[in-house]
C-alpha atoms as a PDB file:
ATOM      1  CA  MET A   1       7.917   2.675   9.745  1.00  0.00           C
ATOM      2  CA  ARG A   2       8.497  -0.084   7.274  1.00  0.00           C
ATOM      3  CA  VAL A   3       5.813  -0.195   4.584  1.00  0.00           C
ATOM      4  CA  PHE A   4       4.367  -3.543   3.574  1.00  0.00           C
ATOM      5  CA  PRO A   5       2.415  -2.925   0.348  1.00  0.00           C
ATOM      6  CA  GLN A   6       0.792  -6.352   0.500  1.00  0.00           C
ATOM      7  CA  PHE A   7      -1.298  -5.224   3.498  1.00  0.00           C
ATOM      8  CA  LYS A   8      -4.330  -3.283   2.277  1.00  0.00           C
ATOM      9  CA  THR A   9      -5.861  -2.183   5.600  1.00  0.00           C
ATOM     10  CA  LEU A  10      -4.861   0.582   8.004  1.00  0.00           C
ATOM     11  CA  MET A  11      -1.268   0.222   9.190  1.00  0.00           C
ATOM     12  CA  ALA A  12      -2.502  -0.086  12.782  1.00  0.00           C
ATOM     13  CA  GLN A  13      -4.386  -3.249  11.707  1.00  0.00           C
ATOM     14  CA  TRP A  14      -1.543  -4.890   9.804  1.00  0.00           C
ATOM     15  CA  PRO A  15      -0.557  -8.333  11.089  1.00  0.00           C
ATOM     16  CA  ARG A  16       3.007  -7.029  11.324  1.00  0.00           C
ATOM     17  CA  VAL A  17       4.403  -3.527  11.887  1.00  0.00           C
ATOM     18  CA  GLU A  18       8.095  -2.729  12.068  1.00  0.00           C
ATOM     19  CA  ALA A  19      10.226   0.279  12.764  1.00  0.00           C
ATOM     20  CA  MET A  20      13.003   1.093  10.338  1.00  0.00           C
ATOM     21  CA  PRO A  21      16.411  -0.153  11.531  1.00  0.00           C
ATOM     22  CA  TYR A  22      17.733   2.023  14.390  1.00  0.00           C
ATOM     23  CA  ALA A  23      14.614   4.235  14.437  1.00  0.00           C
ATOM     24  CA  ARG A  24      13.947   3.683  18.155  1.00  0.00           C
ATOM     25  CA  GLU A  25      17.501   4.435  19.203  1.00  0.00           C
ATOM     26  CA  VAL A  26      17.759   7.550  17.044  1.00  0.00           C
ATOM     27  CA  LEU A  27      14.346   8.901  18.081  1.00  0.00           C
ATOM     28  CA  GLN A  28      15.257   8.405  21.726  1.00  0.00           C
ATOM     29  CA  VAL A  29      18.408  10.495  21.242  1.00  0.00           C
ATOM     30  CA  LEU A  30      16.623  13.222  19.251  1.00  0.00           C
ATOM     31  CA  HIS A  31      13.617  13.380  21.560  1.00  0.00           C
ATOM     32  CA  SER A  32      15.775  14.719  24.385  1.00  0.00           C
ATOM     33  CA  GLY A  33      16.512  17.942  22.489  1.00  0.00           C
ATOM     34  CA  TRP A  34      13.834  18.289  19.809  1.00  0.00           C
ATOM     35  CA  THR A  35      10.080  18.252  19.445  1.00  0.00           C
ATOM     36  CA  VAL A  36       9.537  15.202  17.252  1.00  0.00           C
ATOM     37  CA  ALA A  37       6.544  15.352  14.940  1.00  0.00           C
ATOM     38  CA  LEU A  38       5.401  12.939  12.278  1.00  0.00           C
ATOM     39  CA  ALA A  39       3.944  14.420   9.076  1.00  0.00           C
ATOM     40  CA  THR A  40       2.226  12.032   6.683  1.00  0.00           C
ATOM     41  CA  ASN A  41       0.075  12.057   3.573  1.00  0.00           C
ATOM     42  CA  ALA A  42      -1.705   8.903   4.759  1.00  0.00           C
ATOM     43  CA  ALA A  43      -5.305   9.471   3.711  1.00  0.00           C
ATOM     44  CA  ASP A  44      -7.052   6.570   5.399  1.00  0.00           C
ATOM     45  CA  SER A  45      -5.553   6.808   8.911  1.00  0.00           C
ATOM     46  CA  ASN A  46      -6.321   9.365  11.567  1.00  0.00           C
ATOM     47  CA  GLU A  47      -3.933  10.457  14.327  1.00  0.00           C
ATOM     48  CA  ARG A  48      -5.164   7.738  16.689  1.00  0.00           C
ATOM     49  CA  ASP A  49      -4.617   5.016  14.050  1.00  0.00           C
ATOM     50  CA  ILE A  50      -1.120   6.306  13.370  1.00  0.00           C
ATOM     51  CA  GLN A  51      -0.312   6.466  17.086  1.00  0.00           C
ATOM     52  CA  ARG A  52      -1.481   2.867  17.517  1.00  0.00           C
ATOM     53  CA  ALA A  53       0.781   1.683  14.692  1.00  0.00           C
ATOM     54  CA  LEU A  54       3.730   3.641  16.100  1.00  0.00           C
ATOM     55  CA  SER A  55       3.148   2.179  19.551  1.00  0.00           C
ATOM     56  CA  ARG A  56       3.007  -1.359  18.176  1.00  0.00           C
ATOM     57  CA  ALA A  57       6.428  -0.751  16.606  1.00  0.00           C
ATOM     58  CA  GLY A  58       7.868   0.694  19.823  1.00  0.00           C
ATOM     59  CA  LEU A  59       8.056   4.262  18.491  1.00  0.00           C
ATOM     60  CA  GLY A  60       4.973   5.894  20.005  1.00  0.00           C
ATOM     61  CA  GLU A  61       6.617   7.332  23.095  1.00  0.00           C
ATOM     62  CA  TRP A  62       9.179   9.242  20.999  1.00  0.00           C
ATOM     63  CA  ILE A  63       6.663  11.095  18.785  1.00  0.00           C
ATOM     64  CA  ASP A  64       5.265  14.315  20.273  1.00  0.00           C
ATOM     65  CA  ARG A  65       2.843  15.313  17.506  1.00  0.00           C
ATOM     66  CA  ILE A  66       1.217  13.700  14.480  1.00  0.00           C
ATOM     67  CA  TYR A  67       0.089  15.599  11.393  1.00  0.00           C
ATOM     68  CA  CYS A  68      -1.909  13.696   8.824  1.00  0.00           C
ATOM     69  CA  TYR A  69      -3.936  14.497   5.753  1.00  0.00           C
ATOM     70  CA  GLN A  70      -7.133  13.293   7.427  1.00  0.00           C
ATOM     71  CA  LYS A  71      -6.806  15.982  10.118  1.00  0.00           C
ATOM     72  CA  ILE A  72      -5.466  18.963   8.211  1.00  0.00           C
ATOM     73  CA  GLY A  73      -6.799  18.280   4.698  1.00  0.00           C
ATOM     74  CA  LEU A  74      -3.488  19.179   3.080  1.00  0.00           C
ATOM     75  CA  ARG A  75      -0.747  17.051   1.522  1.00  0.00           C
ATOM     76  CA  LYS A  76       3.002  17.274   1.094  1.00  0.00           C
ATOM     77  CA  PRO A  77       4.625  18.874  -0.858  1.00  0.00           C
ATOM     78  CA  SER A  78       2.213  21.828  -0.619  1.00  0.00           C
ATOM     79  CA  LEU A  79       3.525  24.947   1.050  1.00  0.00           C
ATOM     80  CA  GLU A  80       0.286  25.096   3.039  1.00  0.00           C
ATOM     81  CA  PHE A  81       0.961  21.667   4.577  1.00  0.00           C
ATOM     82  CA  PHE A  82       4.290  22.769   6.002  1.00  0.00           C
ATOM     83  CA  THR A  83       3.012  26.228   6.967  1.00  0.00           C
ATOM     84  CA  TYR A  84       0.189  24.611   8.949  1.00  0.00           C
ATOM     85  CA  ILE A  85       2.674  22.522  10.920  1.00  0.00           C
ATOM     86  CA  LEU A  86       4.993  25.463  11.600  1.00  0.00           C
ATOM     87  CA  GLU A  87       2.091  27.553  12.861  1.00  0.00           C
ATOM     88  CA  ASP A  88       0.701  24.744  15.000  1.00  0.00           C
ATOM     89  CA  LEU A  89       4.085  24.064  16.582  1.00  0.00           C
ATOM     90  CA  ALA A  90       4.769  27.815  16.896  1.00  0.00           C
ATOM     91  CA  LEU A  91       8.223  27.272  15.427  1.00  0.00           C
ATOM     92  CA  PRO A  92      10.085  29.269  12.813  1.00  0.00           C
ATOM     93  CA  PRO A  93      11.400  27.372   9.778  1.00  0.00           C
ATOM     94  CA  SER A  94      14.974  27.971  10.990  1.00  0.00           C
ATOM     95  CA  LYS A  95      14.275  25.841  14.107  1.00  0.00           C
ATOM     96  CA  THR A  96      12.678  23.000  12.161  1.00  0.00           C
ATOM     97  CA  ILE A  97      14.084  20.084  10.152  1.00  0.00           C
ATOM     98  CA  MET A  98      12.071  17.704   7.991  1.00  0.00           C
ATOM     99  CA  VAL A  99      13.368  14.146   7.704  1.00  0.00           C
ATOM    100  CA  GLY A 100      11.755  12.034   5.014  1.00  0.00           C
ATOM    101  CA  ASP A 101      12.195   9.330   2.419  1.00  0.00           C
ATOM    102  CA  ASP A 102      10.540  11.200  -0.474  1.00  0.00           C
ATOM    103  CA  PHE A 103      12.955  13.779  -1.823  1.00  0.00           C
ATOM    104  CA  HIS A 104      10.348  15.708  -3.771  1.00  0.00           C
ATOM    105  CA  GLY A 105       7.429  15.546  -1.324  1.00  0.00           C
ATOM    106  CA  ASP A 106       9.267  15.685   1.980  1.00  0.00           C
ATOM    107  CA  ILE A 107      12.489  17.558   1.355  1.00  0.00           C
ATOM    108  CA  LEU A 108      11.759  19.948  -1.509  1.00  0.00           C
ATOM    109  CA  GLY A 109       8.280  20.556  -0.087  1.00  0.00           C
ATOM    110  CA  ALA A 110       9.802  21.502   3.277  1.00  0.00           C
ATOM    111  CA  ASN A 111      12.444  23.627   1.553  1.00  0.00           C
ATOM    112  CA  SER A 112       9.660  25.636  -0.133  1.00  0.00           C
ATOM    113  CA  ALA A 113       8.531  26.679   3.366  1.00  0.00           C
ATOM    114  CA  GLY A 114      12.088  27.560   4.424  1.00  0.00           C
ATOM    115  CA  ILE A 115      12.505  24.310   6.378  1.00  0.00           C
ATOM    116  CA  ARG A 116      15.743  22.407   5.990  1.00  0.00           C
ATOM    117  CA  GLY A 117      15.441  18.748   5.108  1.00  0.00           C
ATOM    118  CA  ILE A 118      17.297  15.484   5.451  1.00  0.00           C
ATOM    119  CA  TRP A 119      16.539  12.886   2.830  1.00  0.00           C
ATOM    120  CA  TYR A 120      16.584   9.337   4.177  1.00  0.00           C
ATOM    121  CA  ASN A 121      17.507   7.588   0.933  1.00  0.00           C
ATOM    122  CA  ARG A 122      17.583   3.845   1.465  1.00  0.00           C
ATOM    123  CA  SER A 123      17.116   2.861  -2.175  1.00  0.00           C
ATOM    124  CA  SER A 124      19.951   4.449  -4.147  1.00  0.00           C
ATOM    125  CA  PRO A 125      23.458   5.864  -3.764  1.00  0.00           C
ATOM    126  CA  LEU A 126      22.221   9.367  -4.739  1.00  0.00           C
ATOM    127  CA  THR A 127      23.070  12.137  -2.306  1.00  0.00           C
ATOM    128  CA  TYR A 128      22.176  15.805  -2.276  1.00  0.00           C
ATOM    129  CA  HIS A 129      23.824  18.326   0.033  1.00  0.00           C
ATOM    130  CA  ASN A 130      23.522  22.090   0.150  1.00  0.00           C
ATOM    131  CA  GLU A 131      22.525  24.708   2.726  1.00  0.00           C
ATOM    132  CA  MET A 132      18.888  23.504   2.697  1.00  0.00           C
ATOM    133  CA  HIS A 133      19.180  19.725   2.613  1.00  0.00           C
ATOM    134  CA  ALA A 134      21.384  16.722   3.201  1.00  0.00           C
ATOM    135  CA  THR A 135      21.162  12.992   2.523  1.00  0.00           C
ATOM    136  CA  ILE A 136      21.599   9.996   4.806  1.00  0.00           C
ATOM    137  CA  HIS A 137      21.443   6.299   3.932  1.00  0.00           C
ATOM    138  CA  ASP A 138      21.368   4.984   7.514  1.00  0.00           C
ATOM    139  CA  LEU A 139      19.283   6.409  10.375  1.00  0.00           C
ATOM    140  CA  ARG A 140      22.280   6.200  12.696  1.00  0.00           C
ATOM    141  CA  ASP A 141      23.718   9.118  10.687  1.00  0.00           C
ATOM    142  CA  LEU A 142      20.738  11.372  11.412  1.00  0.00           C
ATOM    143  CA  PRO A 143      21.969  13.108  14.600  1.00  0.00           C
ATOM    144  CA  GLU A 144      25.244  14.057  12.899  1.00  0.00           C
ATOM    145  CA  ALA A 145      23.428  15.229   9.738  1.00  0.00           C
ATOM    146  CA  ILE A 146      21.148  17.424  11.854  1.00  0.00           C
ATOM    147  CA  GLU A 147      24.128  18.885  13.672  1.00  0.00           C
ATOM    148  CA  GLN A 148      25.928  19.669  10.413  1.00  0.00           C
ATOM    149  CA  LEU A 149      22.851  21.136   8.739  1.00  0.00           C
ATOM    150  CA  THR A 150      22.029  23.387  11.694  1.00  0.00           C
ATOM    151  CA  LYS A 151      25.541  24.863  11.610  1.00  0.00           C
ATOM    152  CA  ILE A 152      24.915  26.274   8.122  1.00  0.00           C
ATOM    153  CA  LYS A 153      23.244  29.684   7.986  1.00  0.00           C
ATOM    154  CA  PRO A 154      20.341  29.674   5.470  1.00  0.00           C
END
Protein backbone atom coordinates (compact mmCIF):
# COMPACT_ATOMS: atom_id res chain seq x y z
CA MET A 1 0.00 0.00 0.00
CA ARG A 2 1.14 3.49 -0.74
CA VAL A 3 1.58 5.56 2.42
CA PHE A 4 0.28 9.12 2.47
CA PRO A 5 1.79 10.75 5.58
CA GLN A 6 -0.50 13.77 5.29
CA PHE A 7 -3.48 11.60 6.31
CA LYS A 8 -3.57 11.25 10.09
CA THR A 9 -6.48 8.82 10.52
CA LEU A 10 -6.68 5.06 10.02
CA MET A 11 -5.67 4.03 6.51
CA ALA A 12 -9.13 2.54 5.96
CA GLN A 13 -10.56 6.06 6.48
CA TRP A 14 -8.16 7.91 4.20
CA PRO A 15 -9.82 9.83 1.36
CA ARG A 16 -7.50 7.96 -1.01
CA VAL A 17 -5.85 4.54 -0.79
CA GLU A 18 -3.61 3.10 -3.47
CA ALA A 19 -1.81 -0.14 -4.11
CA MET A 20 1.84 0.01 -5.03
CA PRO A 21 2.42 -0.27 -8.80
CA TYR A 22 1.85 -3.86 -10.00
CA ALA A 23 0.88 -5.10 -6.52
CA ARG A 24 -2.45 -6.57 -7.68
CA GLU A 25 -0.95 -8.42 -10.61
CA VAL A 26 1.94 -9.83 -8.58
CA LEU A 27 -0.25 -10.85 -5.63
CA GLN A 28 -2.62 -12.62 -8.01
CA VAL A 29 0.28 -14.65 -9.42
CA LEU A 30 1.75 -15.44 -5.98
CA HIS A 31 -1.59 -16.27 -4.39
CA SER A 32 -1.97 -19.32 -6.63
CA GLY A 33 1.03 -21.04 -5.04
CA TRP A 34 1.64 -19.35 -1.69
CA THR A 35 -0.22 -18.42 1.46
CA VAL A 36 -0.03 -14.63 1.38
CA ALA A 37 0.05 -12.92 4.76
CA LEU A 38 0.49 -9.28 5.64
CA ALA A 39 2.58 -8.45 8.72
CA THR A 40 2.50 -4.87 9.96
CA ASN A 41 3.60 -2.78 12.92
CA ALA A 42 0.56 -0.53 12.48
CA ALA A 43 -0.48 0.26 16.03
CA ASP A 44 -3.78 2.03 15.48
CA SER A 45 -5.45 -0.38 13.01
CA ASN A 46 -6.91 -3.77 13.74
CA GLU A 47 -7.20 -6.63 11.23
CA ARG A 48 -10.64 -5.47 10.09
CA ASP A 49 -9.38 -1.91 9.46
CA ILE A 50 -6.44 -3.25 7.48
CA GLN A 51 -8.67 -5.57 5.46
CA ARG A 52 -10.97 -2.65 4.62
CA ALA A 53 -8.04 -0.56 3.37
CA LEU A 54 -6.70 -3.49 1.32
CA SER A 55 -10.12 -4.08 -0.21
CA ARG A 56 -10.49 -0.41 -1.14
CA ALA A 57 -7.17 -0.69 -3.01
CA GLY A 58 -8.21 -3.90 -4.78
CA LEU A 59 -5.81 -6.12 -2.81
CA GLY A 60 -8.06 -7.70 -0.19
CA GLU A 61 -8.89 -10.87 -2.07
CA TRP A 62 -5.20 -11.76 -2.46
CA ILE A 63 -4.30 -11.58 1.26
CA ASP A 64 -5.00 -14.76 3.25
CA ARG A 65 -3.95 -13.60 6.72
CA ILE A 66 -3.22 -10.32 8.49
CA TYR A 67 -0.87 -9.96 11.45
CA CYS A 68 -0.80 -6.63 13.20
CA TYR A 69 0.63 -5.21 16.39
CA GLN A 70 -2.86 -4.55 17.77
CA LYS A 71 -3.67 -8.28 17.66
CA ILE A 72 -0.41 -9.91 18.66
CA GLY A 73 1.19 -7.18 20.80
CA LEU A 74 4.58 -7.65 19.17
CA ARG A 75 6.49 -5.57 16.62
CA LYS A 76 9.00 -6.22 13.87
CA PRO A 77 11.95 -6.76 14.04
CA SER A 78 11.50 -8.85 17.21
CA LEU A 79 12.16 -12.55 16.90
CA GLU A 80 8.91 -13.15 18.80
CA PHE A 81 6.89 -11.33 16.12
CA PHE A 82 8.12 -13.64 13.38
CA THR A 83 7.96 -16.74 15.58
CA TYR A 84 4.31 -15.98 16.36
CA ILE A 85 3.48 -15.83 12.65
CA LEU A 86 5.37 -19.03 11.84
CA GLU A 87 3.57 -20.88 14.62
CA ASP A 88 0.17 -19.51 13.65
CA LEU A 89 0.65 -20.46 10.00
CA ALA A 90 2.19 -23.81 11.01
CA LEU A 91 5.02 -23.21 8.56
CA PRO A 92 8.74 -23.76 8.98
CA PRO A 93 11.03 -20.79 8.25
CA SER A 94 12.36 -22.62 5.17
CA LYS A 95 8.88 -22.46 3.56
CA THR A 96 8.37 -18.78 4.34
CA ILE A 97 9.58 -15.57 2.68
CA MET A 98 9.17 -12.06 4.08
CA VAL A 99 8.80 -9.25 1.55
CA GLY A 100 9.11 -5.75 2.95
CA ASP A 101 10.28 -2.21 2.39
CA ASP A 102 12.17 -1.83 5.69
CA PHE A 103 15.48 -3.65 5.43
CA HIS A 104 16.16 -3.66 9.15
CA GLY A 105 12.65 -4.32 10.47
CA ASP A 106 11.29 -6.59 7.77
CA ILE A 107 14.26 -8.38 6.26
CA LEU A 108 16.85 -8.62 9.03
CA GLY A 109 14.06 -9.24 11.55
CA ALA A 110 12.78 -12.15 9.44
CA ASN A 111 16.32 -13.43 8.94
CA SER A 112 16.74 -13.62 12.74
CA ALA A 113 13.90 -16.17 12.75
CA GLY A 114 15.44 -18.14 9.87
CA ILE A 115 13.04 -16.64 7.32
CA ARG A 116 14.45 -15.49 4.01
CA GLY A 117 13.58 -11.97 2.96
CA ILE A 118 13.18 -9.84 -0.13
CA TRP A 119 13.73 -6.15 0.33
CA TYR A 120 11.45 -4.00 -1.82
CA ASN A 121 13.73 -0.97 -2.08
CA ARG A 122 12.00 1.77 -4.03
CA SER A 123 14.07 4.66 -2.67
CA SER A 124 17.71 3.91 -3.47
CA PRO A 125 19.92 1.89 -5.81
CA LEU A 126 21.23 -0.20 -2.86
CA THR A 127 20.93 -3.95 -3.26
CA TYR A 128 21.76 -6.79 -0.90
CA HIS A 129 21.90 -10.42 -2.00
CA ASN A 130 23.03 -13.49 -0.12
CA GLU A 131 21.53 -16.85 0.85
CA MET A 132 19.06 -15.17 3.25
CA HIS A 133 17.90 -12.10 1.36
CA ALA A 134 17.60 -10.39 -1.99
CA THR A 135 16.60 -6.93 -3.22
CA ILE A 136 14.06 -5.83 -5.80
CA HIS A 137 13.25 -2.31 -6.99
CA ASP A 138 10.08 -3.19 -8.92
CA LEU A 139 7.31 -5.53 -7.72
CA ARG A 140 7.21 -7.19 -11.13
CA ASP A 141 10.58 -8.74 -10.19
CA LEU A 142 9.19 -10.41 -7.07
CA PRO A 143 8.16 -13.81 -8.52
CA GLU A 144 11.62 -14.26 -10.07
CA ALA A 145 13.36 -13.14 -6.85
CA ILE A 146 11.32 -15.66 -4.86
CA GLU A 147 12.19 -18.41 -7.31
CA GLN A 148 15.91 -17.60 -7.14
CA LEU A 149 15.95 -17.30 -3.35
CA THR A 150 14.13 -20.60 -2.83
CA LYS A 151 16.71 -22.41 -4.96
CA ILE A 152 19.46 -21.53 -2.47
CA LYS A 153 19.87 -23.92 0.46
CA PRO A 154 20.10 -21.99 3.77
